[in-house]
């Protein structure tokens, strides 16, 4: 799964990031509340999120199709 994000388009990357973030949140919640079978899964999900963020940033910098422009925090 390490290199499976290269073929995805920007919209797919954004959707995948939200999906992985939700899995990570659920796993964190379960680790606090109860028992987690694979504690290394948190590290794996964090790394997937970082890879997705990197790919999203690359798409935004290259100006590829479907670029989402962020104006958060910018004011004139």
Protein backbone atom coordinates (compact mmCIF):
# COMPACT_ATOMS: atom_id res chain seq x y z
CA UNK A 1 0.00 0.00 0.00
CA UNK A 2 3.03 2.23 0.29
CA UNK A 3 3.02 3.28 -3.38
CA UNK A 4 -0.65 2.87 -4.15
CA UNK A 5 -1.37 6.60 -3.82
CA UNK A 6 0.60 7.63 -6.91
CA UNK A 7 -2.16 6.74 -9.38
CA UNK A 8 -4.92 8.60 -7.53
CA UNK A 9 -6.34 11.94 -8.64
CA UNK A 10 -6.67 14.87 -6.25
CA UNK A 11 -10.33 14.25 -5.39
CA UNK A 12 -9.58 10.59 -4.71
CA UNK A 13 -6.62 11.56 -2.51
CA UNK A 14 -8.79 13.91 -0.48
CA UNK A 15 -11.44 11.23 0.00
CA UNK A 16 -8.83 8.63 0.93
CA UNK A 17 -7.26 11.04 3.46
CA UNK A 18 -10.60 11.53 5.18
CA UNK A 19 -11.17 7.77 5.24
CA UNK A 20 -7.75 7.06 6.77
CA UNK A 21 -8.17 9.88 9.30
CA UNK A 22 -11.47 8.39 10.42
CA UNK A 23 -9.84 4.96 10.80
CA UNK A 24 -7.03 6.55 12.82
CA UNK A 25 -9.49 8.39 15.07
CA UNK A 26 -11.49 5.20 15.65
CA UNK A 27 -8.32 3.27 16.44
CA UNK A 28 -7.18 5.93 18.93
CA UNK A 29 -10.58 5.84 20.56
CA UNK A 30 -10.50 2.05 20.82
CA UNK A 31 -7.00 2.10 22.30
CA UNK A 32 -8.20 4.36 25.11
CA UNK A 33 -11.49 2.58 25.73
CA UNK A 34 -10.53 -1.00 25.18
CA UNK A 35 -8.10 -3.44 23.70
CA UNK A 36 -6.53 -3.05 20.26
CA UNK A 37 -5.33 -6.21 18.54
CA UNK A 38 -2.56 -4.52 16.53
CA UNK A 39 -1.06 -1.52 18.35
CA UNK A 40 1.30 -0.85 15.41
CA UNK A 41 -1.70 -0.01 13.24
CA UNK A 42 -1.65 3.56 14.63
CA UNK A 43 1.85 4.08 13.27
CA UNK A 44 0.91 2.63 9.90
CA UNK A 45 -2.14 4.88 9.61
CA UNK A 46 -0.14 7.98 10.62
CA UNK A 47 2.35 7.21 7.87
CA UNK A 48 -0.43 6.72 5.32
CA UNK A 49 -1.88 10.09 6.29
CA UNK A 50 1.55 11.70 5.83
CA UNK A 51 1.95 10.07 2.41
CA UNK A 52 -1.48 11.28 1.37
CA UNK A 53 -0.71 14.81 2.58
CA UNK A 54 2.51 14.77 0.55
CA UNK A 55 0.72 13.65 -2.61
CA UNK A 56 -2.01 16.28 -2.12
CA UNK A 57 0.60 19.00 -1.69
CA UNK A 58 2.40 17.84 -4.85
CA UNK A 59 -0.84 18.01 -6.80
CA UNK A 60 -1.56 21.51 -5.51
CA UNK A 61 1.93 22.82 -6.26
CA UNK A 62 2.03 21.48 -9.80
CA UNK A 63 -1.35 23.03 -10.55
CA UNK A 64 -2.84 19.82 -11.82
CA UNK A 65 -6.51 19.48 -12.74
CA UNK A 66 -8.91 19.74 -9.86
CA UNK A 67 -6.61 21.80 -7.65
CA UNK A 68 -8.21 23.02 -4.46
CA UNK A 69 -6.90 26.44 -3.54
CA UNK A 70 -6.65 27.11 0.15
CA UNK A 71 -7.21 30.66 1.33
CA UNK A 72 -7.48 29.80 4.98
CA UNK A 73 -5.74 32.36 7.11
CA UNK A 74 -4.95 34.70 4.23
CA UNK A 75 -6.48 38.14 4.39
CA UNK A 76 -5.62 41.45 2.81
